[in-house]
């Protein structure tokens, strides 16, 4: 009677041993190996691409945009402003999402017209100078980048608010501009979080 029971239980013991081996290999050893390689080769990216102030304080992540608003929600004139965000109250990483409004949506059309007028007035430019990314949210709602065109129409406002020359702010913008990936993919872009931190570091 013992041998038949043992035979019937044999597949169970094999399965249990295999599960334990794979758990150790794939659930412990592999994650530790990948984490170790990440920390050794790409420590910044592995830790969230954090950006810091001159005092060493963590100011956020280079991968997630931020709002630069006053307490009443109005945009601060001394900072470059990001594109709109519909992630929660704006750039909420726990509520990443787009608006899901289609290109023929009357609601989206009204939002774009309102944003265009506000951005033009805020930056002292004509509505025709406001680029598309300035009035449309990204699919994730967390994009930290804006187009070079959108950044350029903000240079004069930021310079005046900070008491800097337009040329100096424009030079910082050029240094903060990232070119096309691999030289031909996508468009040049500006990381708003990093650019604003660089401006704060002036003084």
N, C-alpha and C. Protein backbone atom coordinates (compact mmCIF):
# COMPACT_ATOMS: atom_id res chain seq x y z
N UNK A 1 0.82 -1.21 0.00
CA UNK A 1 0.00 0.00 0.00
C UNK A 1 0.86 1.27 0.00
N UNK A 2 2.07 1.18 0.53
CA UNK A 2 2.93 2.35 0.64
C UNK A 2 3.40 2.83 -0.72
N UNK A 3 3.81 1.88 -1.60
CA UNK A 3 4.39 2.27 -2.89
C UNK A 3 3.41 3.00 -3.79
N UNK A 4 2.16 2.57 -3.91
CA UNK A 4 1.22 3.31 -4.76
C UNK A 4 0.99 4.74 -4.27
N UNK A 5 0.92 4.93 -2.94
CA UNK A 5 0.72 6.28 -2.40
C UNK A 5 1.93 7.15 -2.72
N UNK A 6 3.13 6.55 -2.57
CA UNK A 6 4.35 7.30 -2.86
C UNK A 6 4.39 7.71 -4.33
N UNK A 7 3.98 6.78 -5.20
CA UNK A 7 3.96 7.10 -6.62
C UNK A 7 2.99 8.23 -6.92
N UNK A 8 1.83 8.18 -6.24
CA UNK A 8 0.85 9.24 -6.50
C UNK A 8 1.33 10.60 -5.99
N UNK A 9 2.11 10.60 -4.91
CA UNK A 9 2.60 11.86 -4.35
C UNK A 9 3.86 12.38 -5.03
N UNK A 10 4.52 11.55 -5.81
CA UNK A 10 5.78 11.94 -6.45
C UNK A 10 5.63 13.21 -7.29
N UNK A 11 4.62 13.31 -8.16
CA UNK A 11 4.47 14.56 -8.94
C UNK A 11 4.28 15.79 -8.07
N UNK A 12 3.60 15.62 -6.93
CA UNK A 12 3.39 16.75 -6.03
C UNK A 12 4.71 17.24 -5.46
N UNK A 13 5.58 16.31 -5.01
CA UNK A 13 6.86 16.71 -4.44
C UNK A 13 7.75 17.35 -5.51
N UNK A 14 7.69 16.82 -6.72
CA UNK A 14 8.47 17.40 -7.82
C UNK A 14 8.01 18.83 -8.08
N UNK A 15 6.70 19.03 -8.11
CA UNK A 15 6.14 20.37 -8.34
C UNK A 15 6.54 21.34 -7.25
N UNK A 16 6.49 20.86 -5.99
CA UNK A 16 6.85 21.74 -4.88
C UNK A 16 8.32 22.14 -4.93
N UNK A 17 9.20 21.14 -5.24
CA UNK A 17 10.63 21.45 -5.33
C UNK A 17 10.90 22.43 -6.47
N UNK A 18 10.23 22.20 -7.62
CA UNK A 18 10.41 23.08 -8.76
C UNK A 18 9.93 24.50 -8.43
N UNK A 19 8.80 24.59 -7.72
CA UNK A 19 8.28 25.90 -7.33
C UNK A 19 9.26 26.63 -6.42
N UNK A 20 9.86 25.92 -5.45
CA UNK A 20 10.81 26.54 -4.54
C UNK A 20 12.06 27.00 -5.28
N UNK A 21 12.55 26.17 -6.19
CA UNK A 21 13.74 26.53 -6.96
C UNK A 21 13.48 27.77 -7.81
N UNK A 22 12.34 27.78 -8.52
CA UNK A 22 12.03 28.92 -9.37
C UNK A 22 11.75 30.18 -8.56
N UNK A 23 11.16 30.00 -7.37
CA UNK A 23 10.91 31.16 -6.50
C UNK A 23 12.22 31.81 -6.08
N UNK A 24 13.19 30.98 -5.70
CA UNK A 24 14.49 31.51 -5.30
C UNK A 24 15.20 32.17 -6.48
N UNK A 25 15.16 31.49 -7.65
CA UNK A 25 15.86 32.02 -8.82
C UNK A 25 15.21 33.28 -9.37
N UNK A 26 13.90 33.22 -9.61
CA UNK A 26 13.21 34.31 -10.29
C UNK A 26 12.62 35.35 -9.33
N UNK A 27 12.36 34.93 -8.09
CA UNK A 27 11.75 35.86 -7.14
C UNK A 27 12.75 36.54 -6.23
N UNK A 28 13.98 35.97 -6.13
CA UNK A 28 14.99 36.55 -5.24
C UNK A 28 16.28 36.86 -6.01
N UNK A 29 16.88 35.83 -6.58
CA UNK A 29 18.20 36.02 -7.21
C UNK A 29 18.15 36.96 -8.41
N UNK A 30 17.19 36.74 -9.31
CA UNK A 30 17.12 37.58 -10.51
C UNK A 30 16.83 39.05 -10.18
N UNK A 31 15.82 39.36 -9.33
CA UNK A 31 15.60 40.77 -8.98
C UNK A 31 16.82 41.41 -8.31
N UNK A 32 17.53 40.65 -7.45
CA UNK A 32 18.72 41.21 -6.81
C UNK A 32 19.81 41.48 -7.84
N UNK A 33 19.96 40.57 -8.81
CA UNK A 33 20.97 40.76 -9.85
C UNK A 33 20.66 41.99 -10.70
N UNK A 34 19.41 42.11 -11.14
CA UNK A 34 19.02 43.25 -11.98
C UNK A 34 19.14 44.56 -11.20
N UNK A 35 18.72 44.56 -9.94
CA UNK A 35 18.84 45.76 -9.10
C UNK A 35 20.31 46.15 -8.92
N UNK A 36 21.16 45.15 -8.69
CA UNK A 36 22.59 45.43 -8.52
C UNK A 36 23.22 46.01 -9.77
N UNK A 37 22.85 45.45 -10.93
CA UNK A 37 23.38 45.98 -12.19
C UNK A 37 22.89 47.40 -12.42
N UNK A 38 21.58 47.63 -12.14
CA UNK A 38 21.02 48.97 -12.31
C UNK A 38 21.71 49.99 -11.43
N UNK A 39 21.95 49.64 -10.17
CA UNK A 39 22.60 50.57 -9.24
C UNK A 39 24.05 50.82 -9.62
N UNK A 40 24.71 49.81 -10.19
CA UNK A 40 26.12 49.96 -10.55
C UNK A 40 26.31 50.72 -11.86
N UNK A 41 25.45 50.45 -12.84
CA UNK A 41 25.64 51.02 -14.17
C UNK A 41 24.82 52.28 -14.40
N UNK A 42 23.56 52.29 -13.92
CA UNK A 42 22.67 53.43 -14.12
C UNK A 42 22.05 53.86 -12.79
N UNK A 43 22.84 54.32 -11.83
CA UNK A 43 22.29 54.64 -10.50
C UNK A 43 21.23 55.72 -10.52
N UNK A 44 21.42 56.75 -11.36
CA UNK A 44 20.44 57.83 -11.41
C UNK A 44 19.09 57.36 -11.89
N UNK A 45 19.08 56.64 -13.01
CA UNK A 45 17.83 56.14 -13.56
C UNK A 45 17.19 55.10 -12.63
N UNK A 46 18.01 54.25 -12.02
CA UNK A 46 17.48 53.21 -11.14
C UNK A 46 16.80 53.79 -9.91
N UNK A 47 17.21 54.97 -9.50
CA UNK A 47 16.63 55.60 -8.31
C UNK A 47 15.58 56.64 -8.64
N UNK A 48 15.10 56.65 -9.88
CA UNK A 48 13.98 57.52 -10.22
C UNK A 48 14.34 58.78 -10.96
N UNK A 49 15.57 58.91 -11.44
CA UNK A 49 16.01 60.12 -12.15
C UNK A 49 15.70 61.38 -11.35
N UNK A 50 16.08 61.36 -10.07
CA UNK A 50 15.77 62.47 -9.17
C UNK A 50 16.61 63.70 -9.52
N UNK A 51 16.02 64.87 -9.34
CA UNK A 51 16.73 66.12 -9.53
C UNK A 51 16.78 66.84 -8.18
N UNK A 52 17.88 67.57 -7.95
CA UNK A 52 18.11 68.18 -6.64
C UNK A 52 18.33 69.68 -6.77
N UNK A 53 18.02 70.38 -5.70
CA UNK A 53 18.32 71.80 -5.62
C UNK A 53 19.80 71.98 -5.30
N UNK A 54 20.29 73.22 -5.31
CA UNK A 54 21.69 73.47 -4.95
C UNK A 54 22.00 73.07 -3.53
N UNK A 55 20.96 73.05 -2.68
CA UNK A 55 21.16 72.65 -1.28
C UNK A 55 21.13 71.14 -1.10
N UNK A 56 20.91 70.40 -2.19
CA UNK A 56 20.89 68.94 -2.11
C UNK A 56 19.52 68.35 -1.84
N UNK A 57 18.51 69.20 -1.75
CA UNK A 57 17.15 68.70 -1.48
C UNK A 57 16.55 68.14 -2.76
N UNK A 58 15.85 67.01 -2.63
CA UNK A 58 15.19 66.41 -3.79
C UNK A 58 14.04 67.30 -4.23
N UNK A 59 14.06 67.72 -5.49
CA UNK A 59 13.03 68.62 -5.99
C UNK A 59 12.02 67.91 -6.88
N UNK A 60 12.25 66.65 -7.15
CA UNK A 60 11.33 65.90 -8.00
C UNK A 60 12.08 64.95 -8.90
N UNK A 61 11.45 64.53 -9.96
CA UNK A 61 12.05 63.63 -10.93
C UNK A 61 12.10 64.31 -12.29
N UNK A 62 13.17 64.04 -13.02
CA UNK A 62 13.31 64.60 -14.36
C UNK A 62 12.31 63.96 -15.33
N UNK A 63 11.64 62.89 -14.88
CA UNK A 63 10.70 62.18 -15.75
C UNK A 63 9.25 62.60 -15.53
N UNK A 64 9.00 63.40 -14.48
CA UNK A 64 7.62 63.79 -14.14
C UNK A 64 7.55 65.31 -14.04
N UNK A 65 6.64 65.90 -14.79
CA UNK A 65 6.46 67.34 -14.77
C UNK A 65 5.91 67.85 -13.44
N UNK A 66 5.95 69.13 -13.26
CA UNK A 66 5.43 69.77 -12.05
C UNK A 66 4.70 71.05 -12.42
N UNK A 67 3.81 71.45 -11.54
CA UNK A 67 3.17 72.74 -11.69
C UNK A 67 4.03 73.79 -10.99
N UNK A 68 4.07 74.97 -11.56
CA UNK A 68 4.80 76.08 -10.95
C UNK A 68 3.79 77.21 -10.74
N UNK A 69 2.95 77.01 -9.72
CA UNK A 69 1.83 77.90 -9.44
C UNK A 69 1.96 78.54 -8.08
N UNK A 70 1.28 79.66 -7.91
CA UNK A 70 1.15 80.31 -6.60
C UNK A 70 0.09 79.57 -5.79
N UNK A 71 -0.09 79.98 -4.55
CA UNK A 71 -1.04 79.31 -3.67
C UNK A 71 -2.47 79.38 -4.20
N UNK A 72 -2.78 80.44 -4.95
CA UNK A 72 -4.13 80.57 -5.49
C UNK A 72 -4.31 79.86 -6.83
N UNK A 73 -3.27 79.15 -7.27
CA UNK A 73 -3.37 78.40 -8.52
C UNK A 73 -2.93 79.15 -9.75
N UNK A 74 -2.58 80.42 -9.61
CA UNK A 74 -2.14 81.21 -10.77
C UNK A 74 -0.68 80.88 -11.08
N UNK A 75 -0.30 80.85 -12.36
CA UNK A 75 1.08 80.50 -12.72
C UNK A 75 2.06 81.57 -12.27
N UNK A 76 3.21 81.13 -11.78
CA UNK A 76 4.25 82.04 -11.31
C UNK A 76 5.03 82.59 -12.50
N UNK A 77 5.14 83.91 -12.56
CA UNK A 77 5.76 84.55 -13.73
C UNK A 77 7.25 84.27 -13.84
N UNK A 78 7.92 83.95 -12.73
CA UNK A 78 9.37 83.76 -12.77
C UNK A 78 9.79 82.36 -13.22
N UNK A 79 8.81 81.52 -13.52
CA UNK A 79 9.12 80.16 -13.94
C UNK A 79 8.58 79.87 -15.34
N UNK A 80 9.32 79.04 -16.08
CA UNK A 80 8.78 78.49 -17.31
C UNK A 80 7.63 77.57 -16.94
N UNK A 81 6.56 77.66 -17.69
CA UNK A 81 5.37 76.89 -17.38
C UNK A 81 5.30 75.64 -18.26
N UNK A 82 4.83 74.52 -17.69
CA UNK A 82 4.71 73.28 -18.46
C UNK A 82 3.43 73.30 -19.31
N UNK A 83 3.22 72.24 -20.04
CA UNK A 83 1.99 72.12 -20.80
C UNK A 83 0.84 71.75 -19.87
N UNK A 84 -0.41 71.87 -20.28
CA UNK A 84 -1.52 71.51 -19.40
C UNK A 84 -1.46 70.04 -19.00
N UNK A 85 -2.04 69.73 -17.84
CA UNK A 85 -2.10 68.35 -17.37
C UNK A 85 -3.48 68.07 -16.81
N UNK A 86 -4.03 66.90 -17.16
CA UNK A 86 -5.32 66.51 -16.60
C UNK A 86 -5.16 65.31 -15.66
N UNK A 87 -3.92 65.09 -15.20
CA UNK A 87 -3.66 64.03 -14.24
C UNK A 87 -3.99 64.53 -12.84
N UNK A 88 -5.15 64.17 -12.33
CA UNK A 88 -5.59 64.66 -11.04
C UNK A 88 -5.76 66.17 -11.08
N UNK A 89 -5.17 66.86 -10.12
CA UNK A 89 -5.18 68.33 -10.10
C UNK A 89 -4.06 68.92 -10.96
N UNK A 90 -3.36 68.05 -11.67
CA UNK A 90 -2.25 68.49 -12.51
C UNK A 90 -0.96 67.84 -12.09
N UNK A 91 -0.39 67.02 -12.96
CA UNK A 91 0.87 66.33 -12.72
C UNK A 91 0.84 65.48 -11.45
N UNK A 92 -0.28 64.82 -11.22
CA UNK A 92 -0.40 63.90 -10.09
C UNK A 92 0.01 62.50 -10.57
N UNK A 93 1.17 61.99 -10.12
CA UNK A 93 1.65 60.69 -10.62
C UNK A 93 0.76 59.52 -10.23
N UNK A 94 -0.14 59.73 -9.25
CA UNK A 94 -1.06 58.64 -8.87
C UNK A 94 -2.32 58.65 -9.72
N UNK A 95 -2.44 59.63 -10.61
CA UNK A 95 -3.65 59.72 -11.44
C UNK A 95 -3.28 60.01 -12.89
N UNK A 96 -2.23 59.34 -13.37
CA UNK A 96 -1.76 59.56 -14.73
C UNK A 96 -2.85 59.22 -15.74
N UNK A 97 -3.18 60.19 -16.60
CA UNK A 97 -4.24 59.98 -17.60
C UNK A 97 -4.30 61.15 -18.55
N UNK A 98 -4.91 60.90 -19.71
CA UNK A 98 -5.22 61.97 -20.64
C UNK A 98 -6.69 62.35 -20.49
N UNK A 99 -7.13 63.31 -21.25
CA UNK A 99 -8.52 63.77 -21.13
C UNK A 99 -9.47 62.84 -21.86
N UNK A 100 -8.96 62.07 -22.83
CA UNK A 100 -9.78 61.18 -23.67
C UNK A 100 -10.81 61.94 -24.50
N UNK A 101 -10.58 63.24 -24.70
CA UNK A 101 -11.47 64.02 -25.56
C UNK A 101 -10.98 63.91 -27.00
N UNK A 102 -11.89 63.59 -27.90
CA UNK A 102 -11.53 63.42 -29.30
C UNK A 102 -11.25 64.74 -30.00
N UNK A 103 -10.64 64.69 -31.18
CA UNK A 103 -10.28 65.92 -31.90
C UNK A 103 -11.47 66.76 -32.33
N UNK A 104 -12.66 66.18 -32.36
CA UNK A 104 -13.85 66.93 -32.74
C UNK A 104 -14.72 67.28 -31.53
N UNK A 105 -14.17 67.10 -30.34
CA UNK A 105 -14.93 67.38 -29.12
C UNK A 105 -15.12 68.88 -28.92
N UNK A 106 -16.36 69.35 -28.80
CA UNK A 106 -16.60 70.78 -28.53
C UNK A 106 -15.95 71.24 -27.22
N UNK A 107 -15.91 70.32 -26.23
CA UNK A 107 -15.30 70.66 -24.95
C UNK A 107 -13.80 70.89 -25.10
N UNK A 108 -13.14 70.02 -25.87
CA UNK A 108 -11.71 70.19 -26.10
C UNK A 108 -11.45 71.47 -26.89
N UNK A 109 -12.27 71.75 -27.88
CA UNK A 109 -12.12 72.96 -28.69
C UNK A 109 -12.24 74.20 -27.82
N UNK A 110 -13.21 74.19 -26.88
CA UNK A 110 -13.39 75.33 -25.98
C UNK A 110 -12.19 75.49 -25.05
N UNK A 111 -11.68 74.36 -24.55
CA UNK A 111 -10.51 74.41 -23.67
C UNK A 111 -9.30 75.00 -24.38
N UNK A 112 -9.10 74.59 -25.63
CA UNK A 112 -7.95 75.06 -26.39
C UNK A 112 -8.06 76.56 -26.66
N UNK A 113 -9.24 77.02 -27.00
CA UNK A 113 -9.42 78.45 -27.25
C UNK A 113 -9.15 79.26 -25.98
N UNK A 114 -9.66 78.78 -24.85
CA UNK A 114 -9.45 79.48 -23.58
C UNK A 114 -7.98 79.49 -23.19
N UNK A 115 -7.32 78.32 -23.31
CA UNK A 115 -5.91 78.23 -22.95
C UNK A 115 -5.06 79.11 -23.87
N UNK A 116 -5.39 79.13 -25.14
CA UNK A 116 -4.62 79.94 -26.10
C UNK A 116 -4.67 81.41 -25.72
N UNK A 117 -5.86 81.89 -25.39
CA UNK A 117 -6.01 83.30 -25.00
C UNK A 117 -5.24 83.59 -23.72
N UNK A 118 -5.32 82.68 -22.74
CA UNK A 118 -4.63 82.90 -21.46
C UNK A 118 -3.12 82.90 -21.63
N UNK A 119 -2.60 81.94 -22.38
CA UNK A 119 -1.15 81.84 -22.56
C UNK A 119 -0.62 83.03 -23.35
N UNK A 120 -1.35 83.45 -24.36
CA UNK A 120 -0.92 84.61 -25.15
C UNK A 120 -0.85 85.85 -24.27
N UNK A 121 -1.88 86.07 -23.46
CA UNK A 121 -1.89 87.24 -22.58
C UNK A 121 -0.81 87.15 -21.51
N UNK A 122 -0.59 85.98 -20.96
CA UNK A 122 0.38 85.78 -19.88
C UNK A 122 1.81 86.04 -20.36
N UNK A 123 2.07 85.67 -21.62
CA UNK A 123 3.43 85.81 -22.15
C UNK A 123 3.61 87.01 -23.06
N UNK A 124 2.56 87.79 -23.27
CA UNK A 124 2.66 88.99 -24.09
C UNK A 124 2.94 88.71 -25.55
N UNK A 125 2.30 87.66 -26.07
CA UNK A 125 2.46 87.31 -27.49
C UNK A 125 1.09 87.24 -28.14
N UNK A 126 1.06 87.09 -29.44
CA UNK A 126 -0.22 86.93 -30.13
C UNK A 126 -0.66 85.47 -30.05
N UNK A 127 -1.94 85.24 -30.23
CA UNK A 127 -2.46 83.88 -30.16
C UNK A 127 -1.87 82.99 -31.24
N UNK A 128 -1.51 83.56 -32.37
CA UNK A 128 -0.93 82.77 -33.45
C UNK A 128 0.47 82.26 -33.10
N UNK A 129 1.11 82.86 -32.10
CA UNK A 129 2.45 82.43 -31.70
C UNK A 129 2.42 81.31 -30.67
N UNK A 130 1.25 80.98 -30.15
CA UNK A 130 1.13 79.93 -29.13
C UNK A 130 1.17 78.56 -29.81
N UNK A 131 2.16 77.71 -29.49
CA UNK A 131 2.26 76.40 -30.14
C UNK A 131 1.24 75.41 -29.59
N UNK A 132 1.07 74.33 -30.31
CA UNK A 132 0.05 73.34 -29.97
C UNK A 132 0.28 72.72 -28.60
N UNK A 133 1.52 72.38 -28.26
CA UNK A 133 1.75 71.69 -26.99
C UNK A 133 1.46 72.58 -25.79
N UNK A 134 1.40 73.89 -26.00
CA UNK A 134 1.10 74.81 -24.90
C UNK A 134 -0.35 74.72 -24.46
N UNK A 135 -1.21 74.21 -25.31
CA UNK A 135 -2.65 74.20 -25.01
C UNK A 135 -3.25 72.81 -24.99
N UNK A 136 -2.43 71.77 -25.20
CA UNK A 136 -2.92 70.39 -25.16
C UNK A 136 -2.13 69.59 -24.14
N UNK A 137 -2.83 68.72 -23.43
CA UNK A 137 -2.18 67.88 -22.42
C UNK A 137 -1.58 66.64 -23.08
N UNK A 138 -0.55 66.09 -22.46
CA UNK A 138 0.04 64.85 -22.96
C UNK A 138 -0.85 63.67 -22.60
N UNK A 139 -0.59 62.53 -23.22
CA UNK A 139 -1.40 61.34 -22.95
C UNK A 139 -1.31 60.87 -21.52
N UNK A 140 -0.14 61.04 -20.89
CA UNK A 140 0.04 60.61 -19.51
C UNK A 140 -0.34 61.69 -18.51
N UNK A 141 -0.30 62.94 -18.95
CA UNK A 141 -0.52 64.05 -18.03
C UNK A 141 0.69 64.35 -17.18
N UNK A 142 1.82 63.67 -17.45
CA UNK A 142 3.02 63.83 -16.61
C UNK A 142 4.24 64.28 -17.39
N UNK A 143 4.10 64.55 -18.67
CA UNK A 143 5.24 64.90 -19.52
C UNK A 143 5.97 66.13 -18.99
N UNK A 144 7.27 66.01 -18.65
CA UNK A 144 8.00 67.16 -18.13
C UNK A 144 8.54 68.09 -19.22
N UNK A 145 8.37 67.70 -20.48
CA UNK A 145 8.97 68.45 -21.58
C UNK A 145 7.97 69.37 -22.28
N UNK A 146 8.49 70.43 -22.84
CA UNK A 146 7.72 71.29 -23.73
C UNK A 146 8.56 71.51 -24.99
N UNK A 147 7.90 72.00 -26.02
CA UNK A 147 8.63 72.28 -27.26
C UNK A 147 9.52 73.50 -27.09
N UNK A 148 10.54 73.59 -27.93
CA UNK A 148 11.42 74.76 -27.90
C UNK A 148 10.61 76.02 -28.22
N UNK A 149 9.64 75.90 -29.12
CA UNK A 149 8.80 77.04 -29.49
C UNK A 149 8.03 77.59 -28.28
N UNK A 150 7.46 76.68 -27.49
CA UNK A 150 6.72 77.11 -26.31
C UNK A 150 7.66 77.76 -25.29
N UNK A 151 8.85 77.19 -25.14
CA UNK A 151 9.81 77.76 -24.19
C UNK A 151 10.24 79.16 -24.61
N UNK A 152 10.43 79.35 -25.91
CA UNK A 152 10.93 80.64 -26.39
C UNK A 152 9.96 81.79 -26.16
N UNK A 153 8.66 81.51 -26.25
CA UNK A 153 7.72 82.61 -26.02
C UNK A 153 7.62 82.98 -24.55
N UNK A 154 8.25 82.18 -23.67
CA UNK A 154 8.23 82.47 -22.24
C UNK A 154 9.49 83.17 -21.76
N UNK A 155 10.51 83.25 -22.61
CA UNK A 155 11.81 83.78 -22.20
C UNK A 155 11.71 85.20 -21.67
N UNK A 156 11.04 86.09 -22.40
CA UNK A 156 10.99 87.50 -21.99
C UNK A 156 10.28 87.65 -20.65
N UNK A 157 9.17 86.95 -20.46
CA UNK A 157 8.44 87.04 -19.19
C UNK A 157 9.30 86.59 -18.03
N UNK A 158 9.98 85.44 -18.17
CA UNK A 158 10.82 84.91 -17.09
C UNK A 158 11.98 85.86 -16.80
N UNK A 159 12.58 86.39 -17.86
CA UNK A 159 13.71 87.32 -17.68
C UNK A 159 13.28 88.56 -16.90
N UNK A 160 12.14 89.13 -17.27
CA UNK A 160 11.66 90.33 -16.58
C UNK A 160 11.31 90.04 -15.12
N UNK A 161 10.69 88.88 -14.87
CA UNK A 161 10.29 88.55 -13.51
C UNK A 161 11.50 88.31 -12.60
N UNK A 162 12.59 87.83 -13.18
CA UNK A 162 13.78 87.52 -12.39
C UNK A 162 14.83 88.63 -12.43
N UNK A 163 14.57 89.67 -13.20
CA UNK A 163 15.54 90.75 -13.31
C UNK A 163 16.80 90.34 -14.05
N UNK A 164 16.65 89.42 -15.00
CA UNK A 164 17.78 88.96 -15.80
C UNK A 164 17.63 89.47 -17.23
N UNK A 165 18.71 89.42 -17.97
CA UNK A 165 18.63 89.83 -19.37
C UNK A 165 17.97 88.72 -20.18
N UNK A 166 17.29 89.12 -21.23
CA UNK A 166 16.66 88.15 -22.11
C UNK A 166 17.72 87.22 -22.70
N UNK A 167 18.88 87.78 -23.04
CA UNK A 167 19.95 86.99 -23.64
C UNK A 167 20.44 85.90 -22.69
N UNK A 168 20.51 86.22 -21.40
CA UNK A 168 21.00 85.22 -20.45
C UNK A 168 20.00 84.08 -20.29
N UNK A 169 18.73 84.41 -20.20
CA UNK A 169 17.71 83.36 -20.06
C UNK A 169 17.63 82.53 -21.34
N UNK A 170 17.76 83.19 -22.49
CA UNK A 170 17.73 82.48 -23.77
C UNK A 170 18.92 81.52 -23.87
N UNK A 171 20.07 81.93 -23.37
CA UNK A 171 21.26 81.06 -23.39
C UNK A 171 21.05 79.84 -22.50
N UNK A 172 20.42 80.04 -21.34
CA UNK A 172 20.13 78.91 -20.46
C UNK A 172 19.14 77.96 -21.12
N UNK A 173 18.19 78.52 -21.82
CA UNK A 173 17.23 77.69 -22.54
C UNK A 173 17.93 76.84 -23.58
N UNK A 174 18.85 77.43 -24.31
CA UNK A 174 19.58 76.67 -25.34
C UNK A 174 20.39 75.54 -24.72
N UNK A 175 21.00 75.81 -23.56
CA UNK A 175 21.78 74.77 -22.89
C UNK A 175 20.89 73.66 -22.35
N UNK A 176 19.63 73.97 -22.07
CA UNK A 176 18.70 72.99 -21.51
C UNK A 176 17.91 72.26 -22.58
N UNK A 177 18.17 72.56 -23.84
CA UNK A 177 17.43 71.93 -24.93
C UNK A 177 18.05 70.59 -25.30
N UNK A 178 17.22 69.56 -25.36
CA UNK A 178 17.65 68.23 -25.78
C UNK A 178 17.27 68.03 -27.24
N UNK A 179 18.23 67.58 -28.02
CA UNK A 179 17.99 67.38 -29.45
C UNK A 179 17.18 66.13 -29.74
N UNK A 180 17.00 65.86 -31.01
CA UNK A 180 16.26 64.66 -31.43
C UNK A 180 16.99 63.40 -30.98
N UNK A 181 16.23 62.38 -30.56
CA UNK A 181 16.83 61.11 -30.17
C UNK A 181 17.52 60.49 -31.39
N UNK A 182 18.75 60.02 -31.17
CA UNK A 182 19.55 59.40 -32.23
C UNK A 182 19.76 60.34 -33.41
N UNK A 183 19.50 61.64 -33.18
CA UNK A 183 19.75 62.62 -34.22
C UNK A 183 18.63 62.83 -35.21
N UNK A 184 17.60 61.96 -35.18
CA UNK A 184 16.53 62.11 -36.17
C UNK A 184 15.14 61.73 -35.66
N UNK A 185 15.03 61.20 -34.45
CA UNK A 185 13.73 60.79 -33.92
C UNK A 185 13.13 61.87 -33.02
N UNK A 186 11.85 62.17 -33.22
CA UNK A 186 11.18 63.16 -32.40
C UNK A 186 11.60 64.58 -32.71
N UNK A 187 11.30 65.46 -31.78
CA UNK A 187 11.61 66.89 -31.94
C UNK A 187 12.47 67.37 -30.76
N UNK A 188 13.25 68.42 -30.95
CA UNK A 188 13.97 69.01 -29.81
C UNK A 188 12.99 69.39 -28.70
N UNK A 189 13.41 69.29 -27.47
CA UNK A 189 12.50 69.52 -26.35
C UNK A 189 13.26 70.10 -25.16
N UNK A 190 12.48 70.66 -24.23
CA UNK A 190 13.05 71.30 -23.05
C UNK A 190 12.40 70.71 -21.81
N UNK A 191 13.22 70.26 -20.86
CA UNK A 191 12.71 69.75 -19.60
C UNK A 191 12.46 70.93 -18.68
N UNK A 192 11.20 71.22 -18.40
CA UNK A 192 10.82 72.41 -17.63
C UNK A 192 11.33 72.35 -16.20
N UNK A 193 11.26 71.18 -15.59
CA UNK A 193 11.70 71.03 -14.20
C UNK A 193 13.19 71.35 -14.08
N UNK A 194 14.00 70.78 -14.95
CA UNK A 194 15.44 71.01 -14.89
C UNK A 194 15.81 72.45 -15.23
N UNK A 195 15.12 73.03 -16.20
CA UNK A 195 15.40 74.43 -16.56
C UNK A 195 15.06 75.37 -15.42
N UNK A 196 13.93 75.18 -14.77
CA UNK A 196 13.56 76.04 -13.65
C UNK A 196 14.51 75.89 -12.47
N UNK A 197 14.97 74.65 -12.24
CA UNK A 197 15.96 74.44 -11.17
C UNK A 197 17.27 75.17 -11.48
N UNK A 198 17.65 75.14 -12.76
CA UNK A 198 18.88 75.85 -13.16
C UNK A 198 18.72 77.35 -12.95
N UNK A 199 17.54 77.87 -13.24
CA UNK A 199 17.29 79.29 -13.02
C UNK A 199 17.33 79.63 -11.54
N UNK A 200 16.75 78.79 -10.70
CA UNK A 200 16.79 79.03 -9.26
C UNK A 200 18.22 78.99 -8.74
N UNK A 201 19.07 78.19 -9.39
CA UNK A 201 20.46 78.07 -8.96
C UNK A 201 21.29 79.31 -9.23
N UNK A 202 20.74 80.25 -9.99
CA UNK A 202 21.48 81.48 -10.29
C UNK A 202 21.59 82.39 -9.08
N UNK A 203 20.64 82.16 -8.16
CA UNK A 203 20.78 83.09 -7.13
C UNK A 203 20.05 83.30 -6.02
